[in-house]
N, C-alpha and C. Protein backbone atom coordinates (compact mmCIF):
# COMPACT_ATOMS: atom_id res chain seq x y z
N MET A 1 77.82 296.82 117.78
CA MET A 1 77.86 297.43 116.48
C MET A 1 79.18 298.15 116.33
N ALA A 2 79.96 297.76 115.34
CA ALA A 2 81.25 298.39 115.12
C ALA A 2 81.06 299.80 114.56
N ASN A 3 80.27 299.91 113.50
CA ASN A 3 79.96 301.22 112.95
C ASN A 3 78.76 301.11 112.01
N LYS A 4 78.31 302.26 111.52
CA LYS A 4 77.12 302.28 110.68
C LYS A 4 77.34 301.53 109.37
N ARG A 5 78.52 301.60 108.83
CA ARG A 5 78.80 300.93 107.56
C ARG A 5 78.61 299.43 107.68
N VAL A 6 79.11 298.84 108.75
CA VAL A 6 78.96 297.40 108.97
C VAL A 6 77.48 297.06 109.19
N LEU A 7 76.78 297.87 109.96
CA LEU A 7 75.36 297.64 110.20
C LEU A 7 74.57 297.69 108.90
N LYS A 8 74.84 298.67 108.06
CA LYS A 8 74.14 298.78 106.78
C LYS A 8 74.43 297.59 105.88
N LYS A 9 75.67 297.11 105.88
CA LYS A 9 76.01 295.92 105.09
C LYS A 9 75.23 294.72 105.57
N GLN A 10 75.14 294.55 106.89
CA GLN A 10 74.40 293.42 107.44
C GLN A 10 72.92 293.48 107.06
N ILE A 11 72.34 294.66 107.11
CA ILE A 11 70.93 294.83 106.72
C ILE A 11 70.75 294.44 105.26
N ARG A 12 71.65 294.93 104.40
CA ARG A 12 71.55 294.60 102.98
C ARG A 12 71.71 293.11 102.73
N PHE A 13 72.65 292.47 103.41
CA PHE A 13 72.86 291.03 103.23
C PHE A 13 71.63 290.24 103.67
N ILE A 14 71.08 290.58 104.83
CA ILE A 14 69.92 289.84 105.34
C ILE A 14 68.73 290.00 104.39
N CYS A 15 68.45 291.22 104.00
CA CYS A 15 67.31 291.45 103.10
C CYS A 15 67.55 290.82 101.73
N GLY A 16 68.77 290.87 101.25
CA GLY A 16 69.09 290.25 99.97
C GLY A 16 68.93 288.74 100.03
N ASP A 17 69.35 288.13 101.13
CA ASP A 17 69.19 286.69 101.29
C ASP A 17 67.72 286.29 101.34
N ILE A 18 66.92 287.06 102.04
CA ILE A 18 65.49 286.76 102.12
C ILE A 18 64.86 286.86 100.74
N ALA A 19 65.14 287.94 100.03
CA ALA A 19 64.57 288.12 98.69
C ALA A 19 65.04 287.02 97.75
N GLY A 20 66.31 286.65 97.84
CA GLY A 20 66.84 285.58 97.00
C GLY A 20 66.16 284.25 97.27
N GLU A 21 65.94 283.94 98.53
CA GLU A 21 65.24 282.70 98.89
C GLU A 21 63.82 282.70 98.35
N CYS A 22 63.16 283.84 98.41
CA CYS A 22 61.79 283.93 97.89
C CYS A 22 61.77 283.70 96.38
N LEU A 23 62.68 284.33 95.67
CA LEU A 23 62.72 284.17 94.22
C LEU A 23 63.09 282.75 93.84
N MET A 24 64.00 282.14 94.58
CA MET A 24 64.39 280.76 94.31
C MET A 24 63.21 279.82 94.57
N ALA A 25 62.53 280.02 95.69
CA ALA A 25 61.39 279.17 96.02
C ALA A 25 60.28 279.34 94.99
N LYS A 26 60.08 280.56 94.55
CA LYS A 26 59.05 280.86 93.56
C LYS A 26 59.32 280.13 92.25
N ALA A 27 60.58 280.00 91.89
CA ALA A 27 60.95 279.35 90.63
C ALA A 27 61.01 277.83 90.74
N ILE A 28 61.31 277.29 91.92
CA ILE A 28 61.58 275.86 92.04
C ILE A 28 60.42 275.06 92.62
N ILE A 29 59.75 275.59 93.63
CA ILE A 29 58.74 274.82 94.36
C ILE A 29 57.40 274.84 93.61
N PRO A 30 56.92 273.66 93.21
CA PRO A 30 55.62 273.62 92.53
C PRO A 30 54.49 273.84 93.53
N GLY A 31 53.47 274.56 93.11
CA GLY A 31 52.31 274.79 93.95
C GLY A 31 52.45 275.95 94.92
N ILE A 32 53.54 276.67 94.85
CA ILE A 32 53.74 277.80 95.76
C ILE A 32 52.89 278.98 95.31
N ASP A 33 52.44 279.77 96.24
CA ASP A 33 51.65 280.97 95.92
C ASP A 33 52.61 282.06 95.43
N LYS A 34 52.69 282.21 94.12
CA LYS A 34 53.66 283.13 93.53
C LYS A 34 53.35 284.59 93.83
N ASP A 35 52.06 284.91 93.89
CA ASP A 35 51.70 286.30 94.21
C ASP A 35 52.10 286.66 95.64
N ALA A 36 51.92 285.71 96.56
CA ALA A 36 52.31 285.95 97.95
C ALA A 36 53.82 286.12 98.07
N MET A 37 54.57 285.32 97.32
CA MET A 37 56.04 285.44 97.37
C MET A 37 56.49 286.77 96.78
N THR A 38 55.80 287.24 95.76
CA THR A 38 56.12 288.56 95.20
C THR A 38 55.89 289.64 96.24
N GLU A 39 54.79 289.51 96.99
CA GLU A 39 54.51 290.48 98.06
C GLU A 39 55.58 290.43 99.15
N VAL A 40 56.07 289.24 99.44
CA VAL A 40 57.13 289.10 100.45
C VAL A 40 58.39 289.80 99.98
N VAL A 41 58.72 289.68 98.71
CA VAL A 41 59.91 290.37 98.17
C VAL A 41 59.73 291.88 98.28
N ILE A 42 58.54 292.36 98.00
CA ILE A 42 58.25 293.80 98.10
C ILE A 42 58.37 294.26 99.56
N LYS A 43 57.82 293.47 100.50
CA LYS A 43 57.93 293.82 101.92
C LYS A 43 59.39 293.83 102.37
N THR A 44 60.17 292.91 101.82
CA THR A 44 61.60 292.85 102.17
C THR A 44 62.32 294.10 101.66
N ALA A 45 61.99 294.53 100.46
CA ALA A 45 62.61 295.74 99.91
C ALA A 45 62.23 296.96 100.75
N GLU A 46 60.97 297.02 101.17
CA GLU A 46 60.54 298.13 102.02
C GLU A 46 61.24 298.09 103.37
N LEU A 47 61.39 296.89 103.92
CA LEU A 47 62.11 296.73 105.19
C LEU A 47 63.54 297.23 105.06
N GLN A 48 64.20 296.86 103.99
CA GLN A 48 65.59 297.29 103.79
C GLN A 48 65.67 298.81 103.71
N THR A 49 64.78 299.40 102.94
CA THR A 49 64.80 300.85 102.78
C THR A 49 64.58 301.58 104.10
N THR A 50 63.58 301.14 104.85
CA THR A 50 63.29 301.82 106.11
C THR A 50 64.39 301.58 107.14
N ALA A 51 64.92 300.36 107.18
CA ALA A 51 65.98 300.06 108.15
C ALA A 51 67.24 300.87 107.85
N LEU A 52 67.57 301.00 106.58
CA LEU A 52 68.75 301.79 106.22
C LEU A 52 68.55 303.27 106.56
N CYS A 53 67.35 303.77 106.36
CA CYS A 53 67.08 305.17 106.72
C CYS A 53 67.16 305.38 108.23
N ARG A 54 66.73 304.38 108.99
CA ARG A 54 66.73 304.51 110.45
C ARG A 54 68.13 304.41 111.04
N THR A 55 69.13 303.99 110.27
CA THR A 55 70.49 303.92 110.80
C THR A 55 71.16 305.28 110.82
N ASN A 56 70.59 306.23 110.11
CA ASN A 56 71.17 307.58 110.05
C ASN A 56 70.70 308.41 111.23
N ILE A 57 71.30 308.18 112.38
CA ILE A 57 70.95 308.91 113.59
C ILE A 57 72.17 309.69 114.05
N ALA A 58 71.92 310.69 114.85
CA ALA A 58 73.04 311.49 115.37
C ALA A 58 72.73 311.91 116.81
N PHE A 59 73.76 311.95 117.60
CA PHE A 59 73.67 312.43 118.97
C PHE A 59 73.73 313.95 118.90
N GLU A 60 72.66 314.61 119.28
CA GLU A 60 72.51 316.04 119.04
C GLU A 60 73.20 316.94 120.06
N LYS A 61 73.75 316.37 121.10
CA LYS A 61 74.42 317.19 122.11
C LYS A 61 75.91 317.25 121.81
N SER A 62 76.54 318.27 122.31
CA SER A 62 77.99 318.42 122.12
C SER A 62 78.70 318.28 123.46
N PRO A 63 80.02 318.12 123.43
CA PRO A 63 80.75 318.00 124.70
C PRO A 63 80.58 319.22 125.61
N LYS A 64 80.26 320.36 125.04
CA LYS A 64 80.09 321.58 125.83
C LYS A 64 78.84 321.51 126.72
N ASP A 65 77.89 320.62 126.38
CA ASP A 65 76.68 320.48 127.16
C ASP A 65 76.89 319.68 128.44
N PHE A 66 78.08 319.12 128.63
CA PHE A 66 78.38 318.28 129.79
C PHE A 66 79.53 318.90 130.58
N GLU A 67 79.68 318.47 131.82
CA GLU A 67 80.75 319.00 132.67
C GLU A 67 82.13 318.58 132.19
N ASN A 68 82.22 317.34 131.69
CA ASN A 68 83.51 316.88 131.17
C ASN A 68 83.27 315.91 130.01
N LYS A 69 84.35 315.56 129.33
CA LYS A 69 84.24 314.70 128.16
C LYS A 69 83.83 313.28 128.54
N GLY A 70 84.14 312.86 129.73
CA GLY A 70 83.76 311.52 130.18
C GLY A 70 82.24 311.36 130.23
N GLU A 71 81.56 312.36 130.80
CA GLU A 71 80.10 312.32 130.86
C GLU A 71 79.50 312.35 129.45
N TYR A 72 80.11 313.13 128.58
CA TYR A 72 79.65 313.21 127.19
C TYR A 72 79.75 311.84 126.52
N ARG A 73 80.88 311.17 126.69
CA ARG A 73 81.08 309.86 126.07
C ARG A 73 80.09 308.83 126.62
N VAL A 74 79.85 308.88 127.92
CA VAL A 74 78.90 307.94 128.53
C VAL A 74 77.49 308.18 127.98
N ALA A 75 77.08 309.44 127.91
CA ALA A 75 75.74 309.77 127.41
C ALA A 75 75.61 309.41 125.93
N ARG A 76 76.63 309.68 125.15
CA ARG A 76 76.60 309.35 123.71
C ARG A 76 76.53 307.84 123.49
N ARG A 77 77.34 307.11 124.26
CA ARG A 77 77.34 305.65 124.13
C ARG A 77 75.97 305.07 124.52
N LYS A 78 75.38 305.60 125.57
CA LYS A 78 74.07 305.14 126.01
C LYS A 78 73.01 305.44 124.95
N TYR A 79 73.07 306.62 124.37
CA TYR A 79 72.12 307.03 123.33
C TYR A 79 72.21 306.08 122.12
N TYR A 80 73.42 305.86 121.64
CA TYR A 80 73.59 304.98 120.48
C TYR A 80 73.24 303.53 120.82
N GLY A 81 73.51 303.10 122.02
CA GLY A 81 73.15 301.75 122.44
C GLY A 81 71.64 301.54 122.42
N GLN A 82 70.91 302.52 122.95
CA GLN A 82 69.45 302.44 122.96
C GLN A 82 68.89 302.49 121.55
N ALA A 83 69.46 303.35 120.71
CA ALA A 83 68.99 303.46 119.33
C ALA A 83 69.24 302.16 118.57
N PHE A 84 70.40 301.56 118.77
CA PHE A 84 70.71 300.30 118.10
C PHE A 84 69.77 299.20 118.58
N LYS A 85 69.52 299.16 119.87
CA LYS A 85 68.62 298.13 120.43
C LYS A 85 67.22 298.27 119.85
N LYS A 86 66.73 299.50 119.76
CA LYS A 86 65.40 299.75 119.21
C LYS A 86 65.34 299.35 117.74
N LEU A 87 66.36 299.72 116.98
CA LEU A 87 66.42 299.36 115.56
C LEU A 87 66.49 297.85 115.39
N SER A 88 67.30 297.21 116.19
CA SER A 88 67.49 295.76 116.11
C SER A 88 66.18 295.02 116.43
N GLU A 89 65.49 295.42 117.47
CA GLU A 89 64.23 294.77 117.84
C GLU A 89 63.19 294.95 116.73
N SER A 90 63.07 296.15 116.22
CA SER A 90 62.11 296.42 115.16
C SER A 90 62.44 295.61 113.90
N PHE A 91 63.71 295.60 113.51
CA PHE A 91 64.14 294.87 112.32
C PHE A 91 63.88 293.37 112.49
N ASN A 92 64.25 292.83 113.63
CA ASN A 92 64.05 291.39 113.87
C ASN A 92 62.57 291.02 113.86
N ASN A 93 61.72 291.85 114.44
CA ASN A 93 60.28 291.57 114.43
C ASN A 93 59.73 291.58 113.01
N GLN A 94 60.18 292.51 112.20
CA GLN A 94 59.71 292.57 110.82
C GLN A 94 60.23 291.39 110.01
N VAL A 95 61.45 290.95 110.26
CA VAL A 95 61.98 289.77 109.59
C VAL A 95 61.16 288.54 109.96
N LEU A 96 60.78 288.41 111.22
CA LEU A 96 59.95 287.28 111.64
C LEU A 96 58.59 287.29 110.94
N GLU A 97 58.00 288.48 110.78
CA GLU A 97 56.74 288.58 110.05
C GLU A 97 56.91 288.14 108.60
N ILE A 98 58.02 288.53 107.99
CA ILE A 98 58.28 288.16 106.60
C ILE A 98 58.45 286.64 106.49
N VAL A 99 59.15 286.05 107.43
CA VAL A 99 59.34 284.59 107.42
C VAL A 99 57.99 283.88 107.57
N LYS A 100 57.11 284.41 108.42
CA LYS A 100 55.78 283.82 108.56
C LYS A 100 55.01 283.91 107.24
N ASP A 101 55.13 285.04 106.55
CA ASP A 101 54.47 285.19 105.25
C ASP A 101 55.05 284.22 104.23
N MET A 102 56.36 284.01 104.29
CA MET A 102 56.99 283.05 103.37
C MET A 102 56.46 281.65 103.63
N ASN A 103 56.37 281.26 104.89
CA ASN A 103 55.87 279.94 105.24
C ASN A 103 54.40 279.77 104.85
N ALA A 104 53.63 280.83 104.95
CA ALA A 104 52.21 280.76 104.58
C ALA A 104 52.04 280.57 103.07
N ALA A 105 52.99 281.02 102.28
CA ALA A 105 52.90 280.90 100.83
C ALA A 105 53.30 279.51 100.33
N MET A 106 53.90 278.71 101.19
CA MET A 106 54.31 277.36 100.79
C MET A 106 53.09 276.48 100.55
N PRO A 107 53.19 275.53 99.64
CA PRO A 107 52.05 274.64 99.37
C PRO A 107 51.76 273.73 100.57
N LYS A 108 50.51 273.45 100.77
CA LYS A 108 50.10 272.58 101.88
C LYS A 108 50.33 271.13 101.47
N LYS A 109 50.87 270.35 102.39
CA LYS A 109 51.10 268.92 102.10
C LYS A 109 49.79 268.16 102.25
N ALA A 110 49.60 267.20 101.38
CA ALA A 110 48.35 266.43 101.38
C ALA A 110 48.38 265.31 102.39
């Protein structure tokens, strides 16, 4: 992760693409469950909102809490790495659930 701004842009792009695909499928594919696709768009919007809120984290310790600046940097990097990993896993799992819901809304082939 380069920085929070890039991460937030990626979250917005992913959620926007998912919502766009749902709206496109809802308009083009005959026999699709339109109510289910609307729910998927709503879940995607909620995912985006919560994921963006979860990116606003801060390392609460200061360099004075450590013996030297090197230890501070190591601890801060580890903290942000773990936070990013947790956010990434949660986001990816929710995206997979949304994709499953999208697939369930597709019409069944005869």
